[in-house]
């Protein structure tokens, strides 16, 4: 449900231009370096991608994260507006975001946050948590072998 809602959000044009996620996925598939699958303990997932020279000093890598807003916001140092401009997150802004998250939660809504971090080198402790992206042939063989096994 979360991924579907995010895809609908992108397609809606809420961030300006409508985004064709299939085109974006195809154009950027070779940039994916590592995957950090969703963890119910951490309540988030991440993807490490090769940088495109954007961000801080033409970063070599960009880590994208999505997850429970109350968790992701705690580790953020800034916010990005719909126009792409960024500014540092001060305590007042953090408090306002936390209040909004609590308000939505009290209405029975689930909130998620999207974040990114630019880096020149991948820290060893982060590298150790990753899964390598699977090639199409790996995915096909895994799917065919798993379909041959009876469910447990």
Protein backbone atom coordinates (compact mmCIF):
# COMPACT_ATOMS: atom_id res chain seq x y z
CA UNK A 1 0.00 0.00 0.00
CA UNK A 2 2.80 2.44 0.83
CA UNK A 3 4.55 2.02 -2.51
CA UNK A 4 1.25 2.42 -4.38
CA UNK A 5 0.46 5.62 -2.51
CA UNK A 6 3.92 7.02 -3.28
CA UNK A 7 3.58 6.19 -6.97
CA UNK A 8 0.16 7.85 -7.09
CA UNK A 9 1.63 10.89 -5.35
CA UNK A 10 4.40 11.16 -7.96
CA UNK A 11 1.98 10.73 -10.83
CA UNK A 12 -0.38 13.38 -9.39
CA UNK A 13 2.04 16.22 -10.04
CA UNK A 14 1.89 17.31 -6.39
CA UNK A 15 5.62 18.09 -6.55
CA UNK A 16 5.35 20.13 -9.73
CA UNK A 17 5.68 18.09 -12.90
CA UNK A 18 4.13 14.66 -13.06
CA UNK A 19 6.75 11.93 -12.73
CA UNK A 20 6.76 8.78 -14.85
CA UNK A 21 8.21 6.34 -12.33
CA UNK A 22 8.68 3.59 -14.93
CA UNK A 23 10.87 5.92 -16.98
CA UNK A 24 12.78 7.04 -13.87
CA UNK A 25 13.33 3.44 -12.79
CA UNK A 26 14.62 2.46 -16.23
CA UNK A 27 16.90 5.50 -16.54
CA UNK A 28 18.41 4.99 -13.09
CA UNK A 29 18.60 1.20 -12.73
CA UNK A 30 22.36 1.12 -13.34
CA UNK A 31 22.95 3.65 -10.55
CA UNK A 32 21.65 1.30 -7.81
CA UNK A 33 24.60 0.11 -5.72
CA UNK A 34 23.07 -1.42 -2.61
CA UNK A 35 19.67 -2.12 -1.08
CA UNK A 36 18.79 -1.93 2.58
CA UNK A 37 15.48 -3.81 2.88
CA UNK A 38 12.65 -2.69 5.11
CA UNK A 39 13.18 -3.65 8.71
CA UNK A 40 10.32 -3.66 11.18
CA UNK A 41 12.91 -2.90 13.86
CA UNK A 42 14.19 0.22 12.08
CA UNK A 43 10.86 1.02 10.35
CA UNK A 44 12.61 2.13 7.17
CA UNK A 45 14.32 0.99 4.00
CA UNK A 46 17.03 2.60 1.91
CA UNK A 47 18.70 2.44 -1.49
CA UNK A 48 22.27 3.57 -2.13
CA UNK A 49 22.83 4.98 -5.60
CA UNK A 50 25.80 6.28 -7.51
CA UNK A 51 25.76 10.05 -7.40
CA UNK A 52 25.10 12.14 -10.49
CA UNK A 53 27.29 14.99 -9.31
CA UNK A 54 24.41 16.66 -7.51
CA UNK A 55 24.34 17.75 -3.91
CA UNK A 56 27.30 18.42 -1.68
CA UNK A 57 30.50 18.78 -3.70
CA UNK A 58 29.22 16.51 -6.45
CA UNK A 59 28.61 13.57 -4.13
CA UNK A 60 29.79 10.16 -5.29
CA UNK A 61 26.83 8.43 -3.59
CA UNK A 62 23.30 9.32 -2.55
CA UNK A 63 21.36 7.29 0.02
CA UNK A 64 17.58 7.49 -0.36
CA UNK A 65 15.43 6.45 2.60
CA UNK A 66 11.71 6.06 3.19
CA UNK A 67 10.11 5.02 6.42
CA UNK A 68 8.08 5.89 9.47
CA UNK A 69 8.09 9.67 9.67
CA UNK A 70 8.76 9.80 13.41
CA UNK A 71 11.93 7.74 12.89
CA UNK A 72 13.25 9.30 9.67
CA UNK A 73 12.72 12.91 10.80
CA UNK A 74 14.85 12.27 13.91
CA UNK A 75 17.94 11.75 11.76
CA UNK A 76 17.30 14.60 9.33
CA UNK A 77 19.27 17.83 9.44
CA UNK A 78 17.29 19.74 6.82
CA UNK A 79 14.13 19.95 4.77
CA UNK A 80 13.53 20.21 1.05
CA UNK A 81 10.69 22.23 -0.41
CA UNK A 82 8.67 21.18 -3.47
CA UNK A 83 10.80 23.52 -5.59
CA UNK A 84 13.97 21.61 -4.59
CA UNK A 85 15.39 24.28 -2.31
CA UNK A 86 16.75 23.09 1.03
CA UNK A 87 17.20 24.66 4.42
CA UNK A 88 18.50 23.55 7.77
CA UNK A 89 15.94 22.08 10.16
CA UNK A 90 15.95 24.01 13.42
CA UNK A 91 14.26 22.87 16.64
CA UNK A 92 11.16 24.95 15.93
CA UNK A 93 10.70 23.31 12.54
CA UNK A 94 11.38 19.85 13.97
CA UNK A 95 8.78 20.46 16.68
CA UNK A 96 6.20 21.56 14.10
CA UNK A 97 6.84 18.46 11.99
CA UNK A 98 6.58 16.22 15.07
CA UNK A 99 3.24 17.85 16.00
CA UNK A 100 1.91 17.27 12.48
CA UNK A 101 2.99 13.60 12.60
CA UNK A 102 1.23 13.17 15.96
CA UNK A 103 -1.90 14.90 14.64
CA UNK A 104 -2.11 12.59 11.63
CA UNK A 105 -1.47 9.54 13.81
CA UNK A 106 -4.29 10.57 16.17
CA UNK A 107 -6.57 10.59 13.12
CA UNK A 108 -5.55 7.02 12.33
CA UNK A 109 -3.29 8.01 9.44
CA UNK A 110 0.12 6.51 8.78
CA UNK A 111 2.85 9.00 7.97
CA UNK A 112 6.01 8.33 6.03
CA UNK A 113 9.01 10.48 5.33
CA UNK A 114 11.40 10.52 2.40
CA UNK A 115 15.01 11.56 2.92
CA UNK A 116 18.37 11.51 1.21
CA UNK A 117 21.98 11.91 2.23
CA UNK A 118 24.89 12.73 -0.05
CA UNK A 119 28.27 11.20 0.73
CA UNK A 120 31.66 10.84 -0.89
CA UNK A 121 32.40 7.46 0.72
CA UNK A 122 30.12 4.81 2.15
CA UNK A 123 30.82 4.18 5.85
CA UNK A 124 31.87 0.58 6.57
CA UNK A 125 29.07 0.07 9.12
CA UNK A 126 26.50 1.08 6.49
CA UNK A 127 28.14 -1.07 3.83
CA UNK A 128 27.90 -4.14 6.07
CA UNK A 129 24.08 -3.84 6.31
CA UNK A 130 23.45 -3.83 2.57
CA UNK A 131 22.19 -6.37 0.09
CA UNK A 132 23.56 -6.23 -3.42
CA UNK A 133 20.89 -5.50 -6.06
CA UNK A 134 19.88 -8.62 -7.95
CA UNK A 135 20.29 -8.90 -11.68
CA UNK A 136 17.31 -9.89 -13.79
CA UNK A 137 18.71 -13.41 -14.17
CA UNK A 138 19.05 -13.76 -10.36
CA UNK A 139 15.46 -12.67 -9.89
CA UNK A 140 14.18 -15.14 -12.50
CA UNK A 141 16.08 -18.08 -11.05
CA UNK A 142 15.02 -17.19 -7.52
CA UNK A 143 11.39 -16.90 -8.55
CA UNK A 144 11.43 -20.21 -10.43
CA UNK A 145 13.19 -22.08 -7.63
CA UNK A 146 10.95 -20.64 -4.94
CA UNK A 147 7.81 -21.56 -6.88
CA UNK A 148 8.99 -25.20 -6.95
CA UNK A 149 9.15 -25.41 -3.16
CA UNK A 150 6.02 -26.13 -1.16
CA UNK A 151 4.96 -23.38 1.28
CA UNK A 152 5.97 -23.91 4.89
